Amino acid sequence: MSIIIKPIVTEKLTKITDKKPNRVGFRVQPDANKLEIRKAVEELYNVVVEDVNTMYFPGKRKSRYTKSGVVSGRQTAFKKAIVTLKEGDTIDFFSNI
């Protein structure tokens, strides 16, 4: 099973990469540590990772009102990693579209 689940391409992360173009965000396994994330990114994308910052987001209870009444559920918990690459290295997620 891979440590990296998917890259994060959101408006908020795009603002970060506009200021610092050598940063990339990934959604990772909740039990992964920074060393495992560094190794997985380096092997998968053939880049040199300088720094890894991680954030854990606990799940939230959500509810919405529908015709049939209130529907309640739970948003899953996840872990996000912001990876800083060596100067000059880039990862292009849209190259094979």
PDB file of N, CA and C in Angstrom:
ATOM      1  N   MET A   1       0.847  -1.180   0.000  1.00  0.00           N
ATOM      2  CA  MET A   1       0.000   0.000   0.000  1.00  0.00           C
ATOM      3  C   MET A   1       0.891   1.241   0.000  1.00  0.00           C
ATOM      4  N   SER A   2       0.544   2.205  -0.817  1.00  0.00           N
ATOM      5  CA  SER A   2       1.360   3.401  -0.977  1.00  0.00           C
ATOM      6  C   SER A   2       1.109   4.388   0.167  1.00  0.00           C
ATOM      7  N   ILE A   3       2.140   5.114   0.512  1.00  0.00           N
ATOM      8  CA  ILE A   3       2.041   6.147   1.544  1.00  0.00           C
ATOM      9  C   ILE A   3       1.244   7.332   1.011  1.00  0.00           C
ATOM     10  N   ILE A   4       1.486   7.699  -0.249  1.00  0.00           N
ATOM     11  CA  ILE A   4       0.827   8.853  -0.863  1.00  0.00           C
ATOM     12  C   ILE A   4      -0.508   8.406  -1.452  1.00  0.00           C
ATOM     13  N   ILE A   5      -1.584   9.071  -1.051  1.00  0.00           N
ATOM     14  CA  ILE A   5      -2.907   8.750  -1.567  1.00  0.00           C
ATOM     15  C   ILE A   5      -3.166   9.515  -2.860  1.00  0.00           C
ATOM     16  N   LYS A   6      -2.995  10.855  -2.821  1.00  0.00           N
ATOM     17  CA  LYS A   6      -3.196  11.665  -4.020  1.00  0.00           C
ATOM     18  C   LYS A   6      -2.579  13.046  -3.803  1.00  0.00           C
ATOM     19  N   PRO A   7      -2.226  13.722  -4.896  1.00  0.00           N
ATOM     20  CA  PRO A   7      -1.757  15.105  -4.757  1.00  0.00           C
ATOM     21  C   PRO A   7      -2.942  16.027  -4.494  1.00  0.00           C
ATOM     22  N   ILE A   8      -2.665  17.120  -3.811  1.00  0.00           N
ATOM     23  CA  ILE A   8      -3.705  18.099  -3.505  1.00  0.00           C
ATOM     24  C   ILE A   8      -3.515  19.290  -4.441  1.00  0.00           C
ATOM     25  N   VAL A   9      -4.538  19.563  -5.238  1.00  0.00           N
ATOM     26  CA  VAL A   9      -4.513  20.708  -6.143  1.00  0.00           C
ATOM     27  C   VAL A   9      -5.762  21.526  -5.839  1.00  0.00           C
ATOM     28  N   THR A  10      -5.640  22.455  -4.894  1.00  0.00           N
ATOM     29  CA  THR A  10      -6.754  23.297  -4.492  1.00  0.00           C
ATOM     30  C   THR A  10      -6.358  24.754  -4.660  1.00  0.00           C
ATOM     31  N   GLU A  11      -7.324  25.625  -4.508  1.00  0.00           N
ATOM     32  CA  GLU A  11      -7.064  27.049  -4.644  1.00  0.00           C
ATOM     33  C   GLU A  11      -6.110  27.543  -3.553  1.00  0.00           C
ATOM     34  N   LYS A  12      -6.288  27.053  -2.355  1.00  0.00           N
ATOM     35  CA  LYS A  12      -5.442  27.473  -1.237  1.00  0.00           C
ATOM     36  C   LYS A  12      -3.994  27.026  -1.443  1.00  0.00           C
ATOM     37  N   LEU A  13      -3.803  25.794  -1.905  1.00  0.00           N
ATOM     38  CA  LEU A  13      -2.449  25.302  -2.136  1.00  0.00           C
ATOM     39  C   LEU A  13      -1.818  25.968  -3.355  1.00  0.00           C
ATOM     40  N   THR A  14      -2.631  26.353  -4.335  1.00  0.00           N
ATOM     41  CA  THR A  14      -2.111  27.065  -5.500  1.00  0.00           C
ATOM     42  C   THR A  14      -1.552  28.421  -5.099  1.00  0.00           C
ATOM     43  N   LYS A  15      -2.173  29.078  -4.128  1.00  0.00           N
ATOM     44  CA  LYS A  15      -1.642  30.351  -3.630  1.00  0.00           C
ATOM     45  C   LYS A  15      -0.277  30.158  -2.987  1.00  0.00           C
ATOM     46  N   ILE A  16      -0.103  29.035  -2.277  1.00  0.00           N
ATOM     47  CA  ILE A  16       1.191  28.735  -1.655  1.00  0.00           C
ATOM     48  C   ILE A  16       2.244  28.495  -2.719  1.00  0.00           C
ATOM     49  N   THR A  17       1.909  27.736  -3.766  1.00  0.00           N
ATOM     50  CA  THR A  17       2.884  27.423  -4.806  1.00  0.00           C
ATOM     51  C   THR A  17       3.186  28.628  -5.686  1.00  0.00           C
ATOM     52  N   ASP A  18       2.290  29.612  -5.751  1.00  0.00           N
ATOM     53  CA  ASP A  18       2.603  30.843  -6.477  1.00  0.00           C
ATOM     54  C   ASP A  18       3.686  31.632  -5.749  1.00  0.00           C
ATOM     55  N   LYS A  19       3.633  31.652  -4.413  1.00  0.00           N
ATOM     56  CA  LYS A  19       4.650  32.363  -3.630  1.00  0.00           C
ATOM     57  C   LYS A  19       5.955  31.580  -3.573  1.00  0.00           C
ATOM     58  N   LYS A  20       5.848  30.269  -3.362  1.00  0.00           N
ATOM     59  CA  LYS A  20       7.027  29.403  -3.268  1.00  0.00           C
ATOM     60  C   LYS A  20       6.818  28.225  -4.215  1.00  0.00           C
ATOM     61  N   PRO A  21       7.337  28.301  -5.453  1.00  0.00           N
ATOM     62  CA  PRO A  21       7.012  27.290  -6.472  1.00  0.00           C
ATOM     63  C   PRO A  21       7.590  25.903  -6.219  1.00  0.00           C
ATOM     64  N   ASN A  22       8.460  25.757  -5.235  1.00  0.00           N
ATOM     65  CA  ASN A  22       9.034  24.436  -4.974  1.00  0.00           C
ATOM     66  C   ASN A  22       8.295  23.682  -3.864  1.00  0.00           C
ATOM     67  N   ARG A  23       7.037  24.047  -3.602  1.00  0.00           N
ATOM     68  CA  ARG A  23       6.229  23.336  -2.600  1.00  0.00           C
ATOM     69  C   ARG A  23       5.071  22.609  -3.266  1.00  0.00           C
ATOM     70  N   VAL A  24       4.808  21.389  -2.783  1.00  0.00           N
ATOM     71  CA  VAL A  24       3.753  20.547  -3.332  1.00  0.00           C
ATOM     72  C   VAL A  24       3.006  19.904  -2.173  1.00  0.00           C
ATOM     73  N   GLY A  25       1.686  19.731  -2.326  1.00  0.00           N
ATOM     74  CA  GLY A  25       0.886  19.122  -1.269  1.00  0.00           C
ATOM     75  C   GLY A  25       0.381  17.744  -1.660  1.00  0.00           C
ATOM     76  N   PHE A  26       0.330  16.857  -0.676  1.00  0.00           N
ATOM     77  CA  PHE A  26      -0.156  15.498  -0.890  1.00  0.00           C
ATOM     78  C   PHE A  26      -1.070  15.105   0.258  1.00  0.00           C
ATOM     79  N   ARG A  27      -2.062  14.275  -0.047  1.00  0.00           N
ATOM     80  CA  ARG A  27      -2.845  13.614   0.991  1.00  0.00           C
ATOM     81  C   ARG A  27      -2.170  12.274   1.221  1.00  0.00           C
ATOM     82  N   VAL A  28      -1.840  11.965   2.471  1.00  0.00           N
ATOM     83  CA  VAL A  28      -1.046  10.778   2.787  1.00  0.00           C
ATOM     84  C   VAL A  28      -1.781   9.903   3.803  1.00  0.00           C
ATOM     85  N   GLN A  29      -1.262   8.701   4.012  1.00  0.00           N
ATOM     86  CA  GLN A  29      -1.819   7.786   5.003  1.00  0.00           C
ATOM     87  C   GLN A  29      -1.691   8.410   6.396  1.00  0.00           C
ATOM     88  N   PRO A  30      -2.712   8.285   7.247  1.00  0.00           N
ATOM     89  CA  PRO A  30      -2.660   8.907   8.574  1.00  0.00           C
ATOM     90  C   PRO A  30      -1.538   8.395   9.471  1.00  0.00           C
ATOM     91  N   ASP A  31      -1.065   7.169   9.260  1.00  0.00           N
ATOM     92  CA  ASP A  31      -0.009   6.631  10.122  1.00  0.00           C
ATOM     93  C   ASP A  31       1.392   6.843   9.541  1.00  0.00           C
ATOM     94  N   ALA A  32       1.516   7.562   8.429  1.00  0.00           N
ATOM     95  CA  ALA A  32       2.825   7.797   7.806  1.00  0.00           C
ATOM     96  C   ALA A  32       3.587   8.889   8.553  1.00  0.00           C
ATOM     97  N   ASN A  33       4.905   8.696   8.687  1.00  0.00           N
ATOM     98  CA  ASN A  33       5.719   9.729   9.309  1.00  0.00           C
ATOM     99  C   ASN A  33       6.479  10.504   8.226  1.00  0.00           C
ATOM    100  N   LYS A  34       7.203  11.540   8.639  1.00  0.00           N
ATOM    101  CA  LYS A  34       7.863  12.425   7.682  1.00  0.00           C
ATOM    102  C   LYS A  34       8.946  11.720   6.871  1.00  0.00           C
ATOM    103  N   LEU A  35       9.665  10.796   7.479  1.00  0.00           N
ATOM    104  CA  LEU A  35      10.719  10.074   6.752  1.00  0.00           C
ATOM    105  C   LEU A  35      10.123   9.176   5.666  1.00  0.00           C
ATOM    106  N   GLU A  36       9.014   8.514   5.977  1.00  0.00           N
ATOM    107  CA  GLU A  36       8.355   7.666   4.979  1.00  0.00           C
ATOM    108  C   GLU A  36       7.794   8.494   3.826  1.00  0.00           C
ATOM    109  N   ILE A  37       7.235   9.661   4.143  1.00  0.00           N
ATOM    110  CA  ILE A  37       6.686  10.539   3.107  1.00  0.00           C
ATOM    111  C   ILE A  37       7.808  11.040   2.207  1.00  0.00           C
ATOM    112  N   ARG A  38       8.937  11.446   2.798  1.00  0.00           N
ATOM    113  CA  ARG A  38      10.091  11.913   2.024  1.00  0.00           C
ATOM    114  C   ARG A  38      10.572  10.833   1.062  1.00  0.00           C
ATOM    115  N   LYS A  39      10.716   9.632   1.559  1.00  0.00           N
ATOM    116  CA  LYS A  39      11.209   8.522   0.736  1.00  0.00           C
ATOM    117  C   LYS A  39      10.235   8.193  -0.396  1.00  0.00           C
ATOM    118  N   ALA A  40       8.929   8.205  -0.101  1.00  0.00           N
ATOM    119  CA  ALA A  40       7.924   7.882  -1.115  1.00  0.00           C
ATOM    120  C   ALA A  40       7.892   8.923  -2.233  1.00  0.00           C
ATOM    121  N   VAL A  41       7.988  10.200  -1.887  1.00  0.00           N
ATOM    122  CA  VAL A  41       7.971  11.264  -2.897  1.00  0.00           C
ATOM    123  C   VAL A  41       9.231  11.205  -3.752  1.00  0.00           C
ATOM    124  N   GLU A  42      10.372  10.990  -3.124  1.00  0.00           N
ATOM    125  CA  GLU A  42      11.625  10.915  -3.879  1.00  0.00           C
ATOM    126  C   GLU A  42      11.627   9.738  -4.853  1.00  0.00           C
ATOM    127  N   GLU A  43      11.088   8.589  -4.439  1.00  0.00           N
ATOM    128  CA  GLU A  43      11.053   7.423  -5.320  1.00  0.00           C
ATOM    129  C   GLU A  43      10.026   7.580  -6.435  1.00  0.00           C
ATOM    130  N   LEU A  44       8.874   8.152  -6.118  1.00  0.00           N
ATOM    131  CA  LEU A  44       7.788   8.242  -7.076  1.00  0.00           C
ATOM    132  C   LEU A  44       8.026   9.301  -8.156  1.00  0.00           C
ATOM    133  N   TYR A  45       8.587  10.451  -7.775  1.00  0.00           N
ATOM    134  CA  TYR A  45       8.724  11.567  -8.710  1.00  0.00           C
ATOM    135  C   TYR A  45      10.172  11.888  -9.093  1.00  0.00           C
ATOM    136  N   ASN A  46      11.143  11.169  -8.569  1.00  0.00           N
ATOM    137  CA  ASN A  46      12.573  11.384  -8.877  1.00  0.00           C
ATOM    138  C   ASN A  46      13.001  12.826  -8.629  1.00  0.00           C
ATOM    139  N   VAL A  47      12.717  13.330  -7.443  1.00  0.00           N
ATOM    140  CA  VAL A  47      13.111  14.669  -7.019  1.00  0.00           C
ATOM    141  C   VAL A  47      13.822  14.567  -5.675  1.00  0.00           C
ATOM    142  N   VAL A  48      14.444  15.655  -5.246  1.00  0.00           N
ATOM    143  CA  VAL A  48      15.105  15.711  -3.947  1.00  0.00           C
ATOM    144  C   VAL A  48      14.228  16.531  -3.001  1.00  0.00           C
ATOM    145  N   VAL A  49      13.840  15.941  -1.886  1.00  0.00           N
ATOM    146  CA  VAL A  49      12.974  16.592  -0.904  1.00  0.00           C
ATOM    147  C   VAL A  49      13.842  17.219   0.179  1.00  0.00           C
ATOM    148  N   GLU A  50      13.617  18.518   0.427  1.00  0.00           N
ATOM    149  CA  GLU A  50      14.358  19.210   1.491  1.00  0.00           C
ATOM    150  C   GLU A  50      13.631  19.168   2.831  1.00  0.00           C
ATOM    151  N   ASP A  51      12.298  19.329   2.804  1.00  0.00           N
ATOM    152  CA  ASP A  51      11.553  19.437   4.054  1.00  0.00           C
ATOM    153  C   ASP A  51      10.148  18.880   3.866  1.00  0.00           C
ATOM    154  N   VAL A  52       9.589  18.342   4.946  1.00  0.00           N
ATOM    155  CA  VAL A  52       8.220  17.819   4.934  1.00  0.00           C
ATOM    156  C   VAL A  52       7.488  18.377   6.150  1.00  0.00           C
ATOM    157  N   ASN A  53       6.357  19.031   5.900  1.00  0.00           N
ATOM    158  CA  ASN A  53       5.496  19.510   6.974  1.00  0.00           C
ATOM    159  C   ASN A  53       4.193  18.721   6.899  1.00  0.00           C
ATOM    160  N   THR A  54       3.708  18.226   8.046  1.00  0.00           N
ATOM    161  CA  THR A  54       2.487  17.432   8.050  1.00  0.00           C
ATOM    162  C   THR A  54       1.426  18.079   8.922  1.00  0.00           C
ATOM    163  N   MET A  55       0.167  17.835   8.543  1.00  0.00           N
ATOM    164  CA  MET A  55      -0.978  18.321   9.301  1.00  0.00           C
ATOM    165  C   MET A  55      -2.004  17.205   9.372  1.00  0.00           C
ATOM    166  N   TYR A  56      -2.605  17.010  10.522  1.00  0.00           N
ATOM    167  CA  TYR A  56      -3.633  15.989  10.701  1.00  0.00           C
ATOM    168  C   TYR A  56      -4.971  16.690  10.908  1.00  0.00           C
ATOM    169  N   PHE A  57      -5.972  16.295  10.138  1.00  0.00           N
ATOM    170  CA  PHE A  57      -7.301  16.865  10.237  1.00  0.00           C
ATOM    171  C   PHE A  57      -8.258  15.795  10.738  1.00  0.00           C
ATOM    172  N   PRO A  58      -8.792  15.930  11.955  1.00  0.00           N
ATOM    173  CA  PRO A  58      -9.727  14.930  12.468  1.00  0.00           C
ATOM    174  C   PRO A  58     -11.060  15.011  11.727  1.00  0.00           C
ATOM    175  N   GLY A  59     -11.804  13.922  11.733  1.00  0.00           N
ATOM    176  CA  GLY A  59     -13.100  13.888  11.070  1.00  0.00           C
ATOM    177  C   GLY A  59     -14.113  14.779  11.777  1.00  0.00           C
ATOM    178  N   LYS A  60     -15.108  15.228  11.013  1.00  0.00           N
ATOM    179  CA  LYS A  60     -16.136  16.097  11.568  1.00  0.00           C
ATOM    180  C   LYS A  60     -17.507  15.464  11.340  1.00  0.00           C
ATOM    181  N   ARG A  61     -18.437  15.790  12.234  1.00  0.00           N
ATOM    182  CA  ARG A  61     -19.820  15.372  12.032  1.00  0.00           C
ATOM    183  C   ARG A  61     -20.488  16.417  11.151  1.00  0.00           C
ATOM    184  N   LYS A  62     -21.181  15.956  10.125  1.00  0.00           N
ATOM    185  CA  LYS A  62     -21.860  16.856   9.191  1.00  0.00           C
ATOM    186  C   LYS A  62     -23.328  16.474   9.120  1.00  0.00           C
ATOM    187  N   SER A  63     -24.191  17.448   8.900  1.00  0.00           N
ATOM    188  CA  SER A  63     -25.601  17.162   8.684  1.00  0.00           C
ATOM    189  C   SER A  63     -26.137  18.150   7.664  1.00  0.00           C
ATOM    190  N   ARG A  64     -27.138  17.701   6.924  1.00  0.00           N
ATOM    191  CA  ARG A  64     -27.780  18.581   5.943  1.00  0.00           C
ATOM    192  C   ARG A  64     -29.277  18.300   5.941  1.00  0.00           C
ATOM    193  N   TYR A  65     -30.009  19.298   5.526  1.00  0.00           N
ATOM    194  CA  TYR A  65     -31.463  19.193   5.502  1.00  0.00           C
ATOM    195  C   TYR A  65     -31.903  18.826   4.087  1.00  0.00           C
ATOM    196  N   THR A  66     -32.725  17.793   3.985  1.00  0.00           N
ATOM    197  CA  THR A  66     -33.247  17.344   2.701  1.00  0.00           C
ATOM    198  C   THR A  66     -34.766  17.247   2.769  1.00  0.00           C
ATOM    199  N   LYS A  67     -35.387  16.852   1.663  1.00  0.00           N
ATOM    200  CA  LYS A  67     -36.840  16.676   1.650  1.00  0.00           C
ATOM    201  C   LYS A  67     -37.291  15.630   2.655  1.00  0.00           C
ATOM    202  N   SER A  68     -36.478  14.585   2.790  1.00  0.00           N
ATOM    203  CA  SER A  68     -36.860  13.495   3.685  1.00  0.00           C
ATOM    204  C   SER A  68     -36.440  13.730   5.132  1.00  0.00           C
ATOM    205  N   GLY A  69     -35.886  14.876   5.432  1.00  0.00           N
ATOM    206  CA  GLY A  69     -35.495  15.176   6.809  1.00  0.00           C
ATOM    207  C   GLY A  69     -34.003  15.434   6.925  1.00  0.00           C
ATOM    208  N   VAL A  70     -33.514  15.403   8.125  1.00  0.00           N
ATOM    209  CA  VAL A  70     -32.108  15.672   8.393  1.00  0.00           C
ATOM    210  C   VAL A  70     -31.286  14.407   8.136  1.00  0.00           C
ATOM    211  N   VAL A  71     -30.250  14.544   7.316  1.00  0.00           N
ATOM    212  CA  VAL A  71     -29.337  13.439   7.042  1.00  0.00           C
ATOM    213  C   VAL A  71     -28.018  13.787   7.715  1.00  0.00           C
ATOM    214  N   SER A  72     -27.559  12.914   8.594  1.00  0.00           N
ATOM    215  CA  SER A  72     -26.296  13.198   9.282  1.00  0.00           C
ATOM    216  C   SER A  72     -25.281  12.118   8.940  1.00  0.00           C
ATOM    217  N   GLY A  73     -24.020  12.510   8.964  1.00  0.00           N
ATOM    218  CA  GLY A  73     -22.952  11.580   8.645  1.00  0.00           C
ATOM    219  C   GLY A  73     -21.646  12.064   9.235  1.00  0.00           C
ATOM    220  N   ARG A  74     -20.562  11.512   8.734  1.00  0.00           N
ATOM    221  CA  ARG A  74     -19.250  11.845   9.264  1.00  0.00           C
ATOM    222  C   ARG A  74     -18.263  12.026   8.127  1.00  0.00           C
ATOM    223  N   GLN A  75     -17.487  13.093   8.196  1.00  0.00           N
ATOM    224  CA  GLN A  75     -16.413  13.335   7.245  1.00  0.00           C
ATOM    225  C   GLN A  75     -15.186  12.588   7.749  1.00  0.00           C
ATOM    226  N   THR A  76     -14.456  11.923   6.860  1.00  0.00           N
ATOM    227  CA  THR A  76     -13.322  11.116   7.293  1.00  0.00           C
ATOM    228  C   THR A  76     -12.139  11.988   7.696  1.00  0.00           C
ATOM    229  N   ALA A  77     -11.336  11.460   8.602  1.00  0.00           N
ATOM    230  CA  ALA A  77     -10.112  12.131   9.016  1.00  0.00           C
ATOM    231  C   ALA A  77      -9.036  11.876   7.961  1.00  0.00           C
ATOM    232  N   PHE A  78      -8.107  12.831   7.810  1.00  0.00           N
ATOM    233  CA  PHE A  78      -7.026  12.645   6.854  1.00  0.00           C
ATOM    234  C   PHE A  78      -5.785  13.409   7.298  1.00  0.00           C
ATOM    235  N   LYS A  79      -4.669  13.088   6.657  1.00  0.00           N
ATOM    236  CA  LYS A  79      -3.396  13.728   6.936  1.00  0.00           C
ATOM    237  C   LYS A  79      -2.885  14.359   5.656  1.00  0.00           C
ATOM    238  N   LYS A  80      -2.393  15.597   5.756  1.00  0.00           N
ATOM    239  CA  LYS A  80      -1.893  16.327   4.616  1.00  0.00           C
ATOM    240  C   LYS A  80      -0.406  16.601   4.821  1.00  0.00           C
ATOM    241  N   ALA A  81       0.376  16.495   3.743  1.00  0.00           N
ATOM    242  CA  ALA A  81       1.810  16.774   3.807  1.00  0.00           C
ATOM    243  C   ALA A  81       2.156  17.835   2.772  1.00  0.00           C
ATOM    244  N   ILE A  82       2.856  18.881   3.210  1.00  0.00           N
ATOM    245  CA  ILE A  82       3.388  19.898   2.310  1.00  0.00           C
ATOM    246  C   ILE A  82       4.879  19.608   2.176  1.00  0.00           C
ATOM    247  N   VAL A  83       5.304  19.302   0.951  1.00  0.00           N
ATOM    248  CA  VAL A  83       6.681  18.877   0.687  1.00  0.00           C
ATOM    249  C   VAL A  83       7.421  20.012  -0.002  1.00  0.00           C
ATOM    250  N   THR A  84       8.585  20.377   0.539  1.00  0.00           N
ATOM    251  CA  THR A  84       9.443  21.387  -0.074  1.00  0.00           C
ATOM    252  C   THR A  84      10.535  20.674  -0.858  1.00  0.00           C
ATOM    253  N   LEU A  85      10.620  20.985  -2.151  1.00  0.00           N
ATOM    254  CA  LEU A  85      11.593  20.353  -3.034  1.00  0.00           C
ATOM    255  C   LEU A  85      12.853  21.190  -3.126  1.00  0.00           C
ATOM    256  N   LYS A  86      13.943  20.555  -3.599  1.00  0.00           N
ATOM    257  CA  LYS A  86      15.194  21.260  -3.815  1.00  0.00           C
ATOM    258  C   LYS A  86      14.984  22.300  -4.908  1.00  0.00           C
ATOM    259  N   GLU A  87      15.687  23.423  -4.829  1.00  0.00           N
ATOM    260  CA  GLU A  87      15.600  24.496  -5.817  1.00  0.00           C
ATOM    261  C   GLU A  87      15.857  23.935  -7.207  1.00  0.00           C
ATOM    262  N   GLY A  88      14.947  24.190  -8.124  1.00  0.00           N
ATOM    263  CA  GLY A  88      15.093  23.699  -9.493  1.00  0.00           C
ATOM    264  C   GLY A  88      14.275  22.455  -9.788  1.00  0.00           C
ATOM    265  N   ASP A  89      13.909  21.673  -8.771  1.00  0.00           N
ATOM    266  CA  ASP A  89      13.078  20.482  -8.978  1.00  0.00           C
ATOM    267  C   ASP A  89      11.604  20.888  -9.006  1.00  0.00           C
ATOM    268  N   THR A  90      10.847  20.282  -9.899  1.00  0.00           N
ATOM    269  CA  THR A  90       9.416  20.522  -9.973  1.00  0.00           C
ATOM    270  C   THR A  90       8.690  19.211 -10.228  1.00  0.00           C
ATOM    271  N   ILE A  91       7.428  19.180  -9.865  1.00  0.00           N
ATOM    272  CA  ILE A  91       6.562  18.042 -10.153  1.00  0.00           C
ATOM    273  C   ILE A  91       5.397  18.583 -10.969  1.00  0.00           C
ATOM    274  N   ASP A  92       5.193  18.047 -12.178  1.00  0.00           N
ATOM    275  CA  ASP A  92       4.101  18.473 -13.045  1.00  0.00           C
ATOM    276  C   ASP A  92       3.022  17.396 -13.051  1.00  0.00           C
ATOM    277  N   PHE A  93       1.896  17.670 -12.374  1.00  0.00           N
ATOM    278  CA  PHE A  93       0.820  16.689 -12.277  1.00  0.00           C
ATOM    279  C   PHE A  93      -0.002  16.612 -13.556  1.00  0.00           C
ATOM    280  N   PHE A  94       0.070  17.642 -14.402  1.00  0.00           N
ATOM    281  CA  PHE A  94      -0.788  17.719 -15.580  1.00  0.00           C
ATOM    282  C   PHE A  94      -0.046  17.416 -16.872  1.00  0.00           C
ATOM    283  N   SER A  95       1.109  16.789 -16.807  1.00  0.00           N
ATOM    284  CA  SER A  95       1.902  16.534 -18.018  1.00  0.00           C
ATOM    285  C   SER A  95       1.313  15.458 -18.895  1.00  0.00           C
ATOM    286  N   ASN A  96       0.573  14.506 -18.340  1.00  0.00           N
ATOM    287  CA  ASN A  96       0.051  13.397 -19.138  1.00  0.00           C
ATOM    288  C   ASN A  96      -1.438  13.514 -19.425  1.00  0.00           C
ATOM    289  N   ILE A  97      -1.966  14.729 -19.410  1.00  0.00           N
ATOM    290  CA  ILE A  97      -3.393  14.928 -19.707  1.00  0.00           C
ATOM    291  C   ILE A  97      -3.558  15.119 -21.198  1.00  0.00           C
TER     292      ILE A  97
END
